[in-house]
């Protein structure tokens, strides 16, 4: 999941900064919603099963660093 978050964060940055929207919804809200929806589902990767993840929360220190 960390990889997914990293990729979304990396590729979404220009859209978030530019104010891009998807169907009138700010892109930043859209990817956060999609990621949150994906995290609540148990996942299978090969023979490994991963439990659903907890909700995401904002980290002020990481936000300031970004």
Protein backbone atom coordinates (compact mmCIF):
# COMPACT_ATOMS: atom_id res chain seq x y z
CA UNK A 1 0.00 0.00 0.00
CA UNK A 2 2.89 2.35 0.67
CA UNK A 3 3.87 2.06 -2.97
CA UNK A 4 0.34 2.98 -4.05
CA UNK A 5 0.34 5.99 -1.76
CA UNK A 6 3.76 7.05 -3.01
CA UNK A 7 2.75 6.75 -6.65
CA UNK A 8 -0.53 8.57 -6.16
CA UNK A 9 1.19 11.32 -4.20
CA UNK A 10 3.94 11.68 -6.80
CA UNK A 11 1.72 11.75 -9.85
CA UNK A 12 -1.13 13.68 -8.26
CA UNK A 13 1.01 16.58 -7.08
CA UNK A 14 0.81 18.59 -10.35
CA UNK A 15 -2.95 18.09 -10.54
CA UNK A 16 -3.46 19.08 -6.92
CA UNK A 17 -1.37 22.20 -7.34
CA UNK A 18 -2.98 23.15 -10.63
CA UNK A 19 -6.51 22.89 -9.24
CA UNK A 20 -7.54 20.15 -11.68
CA UNK A 21 -10.91 18.54 -11.13
CA UNK A 22 -12.65 15.30 -12.05
CA UNK A 23 -16.33 15.90 -12.79
CA UNK A 24 -16.09 19.15 -10.85
CA UNK A 25 -14.55 17.53 -7.74
CA UNK A 26 -11.01 18.64 -6.84
CA UNK A 27 -8.54 15.91 -7.80
CA UNK A 28 -7.10 15.87 -4.28
CA UNK A 29 -10.49 14.89 -2.85
CA UNK A 30 -11.02 12.25 -5.55
CA UNK A 31 -7.77 10.32 -5.04
CA UNK A 32 -8.13 10.46 -1.26
CA UNK A 33 -11.62 8.99 -1.56
CA UNK A 34 -10.46 6.24 -3.92
CA UNK A 35 -7.55 5.35 -1.66
CA UNK A 36 -9.78 5.29 1.43
CA UNK A 37 -12.25 3.00 -0.36
CA UNK A 38 -9.45 0.64 -1.40
CA UNK A 39 -8.01 0.45 2.13
CA UNK A 40 -11.25 -0.81 3.72
CA UNK A 41 -11.12 -4.01 1.66
CA UNK A 42 -9.02 -7.07 2.48
CA UNK A 43 -6.48 -7.69 -0.30
CA UNK A 44 -4.78 -10.74 -1.74
CA UNK A 45 -1.28 -10.54 -3.25
CA UNK A 46 -0.15 -13.93 -4.48
CA UNK A 47 -0.46 -16.29 -1.51
CA UNK A 48 -0.44 -13.45 1.03
CA UNK A 49 -3.62 -11.97 2.46
CA UNK A 50 -3.59 -8.45 3.86
CA UNK A 51 -6.24 -7.22 6.27
CA UNK A 52 -8.16 -4.05 5.61
CA UNK A 53 -6.24 -0.96 6.62
CA UNK A 54 -7.23 1.72 9.11
CA UNK A 55 -8.57 5.06 7.87
CA UNK A 56 -5.94 7.53 6.73
CA UNK A 57 -5.25 10.52 8.92
CA UNK A 58 -3.43 13.74 8.14
CA UNK A 59 0.08 14.14 9.52
CA UNK A 60 0.94 17.82 10.06
CA UNK A 61 4.70 17.17 10.09
CA UNK A 62 4.62 15.38 6.74
CA UNK A 63 2.25 17.98 5.32
CA UNK A 64 4.59 20.79 6.31
CA UNK A 65 7.55 18.94 4.83
CA UNK A 66 5.73 18.44 1.55
